[in-house]
Protein backbone atom coordinates (compact mmCIF):
# COMPACT_ATOMS: atom_id res chain seq x y z
CA MET A 1 0.00 0.00 0.00
CA ALA A 2 2.84 2.44 -0.77
CA ASP A 3 0.64 4.44 -3.16
CA LEU A 4 -0.09 7.28 -0.73
CA LYS A 5 0.41 10.81 -1.99
CA LEU A 6 2.67 11.49 0.99
CA GLY A 7 6.03 9.74 0.67
CA LYS A 8 7.94 8.26 3.58
CA LEU A 9 9.14 10.98 5.93
CA PRO A 10 12.91 11.57 6.09
CA GLU A 11 14.81 11.52 9.37
CA ARG A 12 14.21 14.80 11.17
CA THR A 13 14.36 16.62 14.46
CA PRO A 14 10.97 16.54 16.22
CA VAL A 15 8.99 19.77 16.22
CA LYS A 16 6.20 20.53 18.67
CA LEU A 17 2.88 21.36 16.99
CA THR A 18 -0.06 22.82 18.88
CA LEU A 19 -3.35 23.39 17.10
CA LEU A 20 -7.06 22.86 17.53
CA ILE A 21 -8.89 20.79 14.91
CA PRO A 22 -12.47 19.54 14.62
CA PRO A 23 -13.17 15.95 15.68
CA ASP A 24 -13.87 14.75 12.13
CA LEU A 25 -10.47 16.01 10.93
CA ASN A 26 -8.80 14.28 13.87
CA GLU A 27 -10.49 11.01 12.90
CA ALA A 28 -9.29 11.43 9.32
CA LEU A 29 -5.73 12.12 10.50
CA VAL A 30 -5.76 9.05 12.74
CA ALA A 31 -6.99 6.95 9.79
CA TYR A 32 -4.26 8.44 7.57
CA GLY A 33 -1.68 7.62 10.21
CA LYS A 34 -2.82 3.99 10.17
CA ALA A 35 -2.63 3.92 6.36
CA TYR A 36 0.87 5.40 6.55
CA GLU A 37 1.94 2.69 8.98
CA LEU A 38 0.55 -0.02 6.70
CA ALA A 39 2.31 1.51 3.70
CA TYR A 40 5.72 2.06 5.30
CA GLY A 41 5.81 -0.32 8.27
CA LYS A 42 6.49 2.48 10.74
CA SER A 43 4.08 4.35 12.97
CA GLU A 44 4.51 8.12 12.99
CA PRO A 45 2.79 10.58 15.33
CA ILE A 46 0.17 12.73 13.65
CA ALA A 47 2.10 15.84 14.71
CA GLU A 48 5.00 14.54 12.58
CA LEU A 49 2.83 13.73 9.55
CA VAL A 50 0.90 17.02 9.43
CA PRO A 51 3.85 19.30 8.51
CA ALA A 52 4.77 16.96 5.63
CA MET A 53 1.13 16.81 4.54
CA LEU A 54 0.93 20.61 4.56
CA ARG A 55 4.17 20.87 2.55
CA ALA A 56 2.84 18.35 -0.01
CA PHE A 57 -0.40 20.31 -0.26
CA ILE A 58 1.33 23.66 -0.72
CA ASP A 59 3.80 22.21 -3.23
CA SER A 60 0.94 20.77 -5.29
CA ASP A 61 -1.15 23.98 -5.30
CA ARG A 62 -0.29 25.45 -8.71
CA ALA A 63 -2.27 28.65 -8.20
CA PHE A 64 -0.37 29.34 -4.97
CA GLY A 65 2.94 28.53 -6.65
CA ARG A 66 2.25 31.01 -9.43
CA ARG A 67 1.35 33.74 -6.94
CA SER A 68 4.17 33.15 -4.48
CA GLY A 69 6.88 32.26 -6.99
CA THR A 70 7.62 28.92 -5.29
């Protein structure tokens, strides 16, 4: 099941993330974390996956890239 849009996370220094999210988004993130573990054989905390997910989202947003020059 390694066909997730998010690739395996590289080694990194942990970063603390504090944010409030609605319960349905939390459930989706927990489910994604389980899918990630099945795909890569390693469990990662949601707080570690979210920054990579946000980077993947921003990198794939062509309209944003055109506006920001990234």
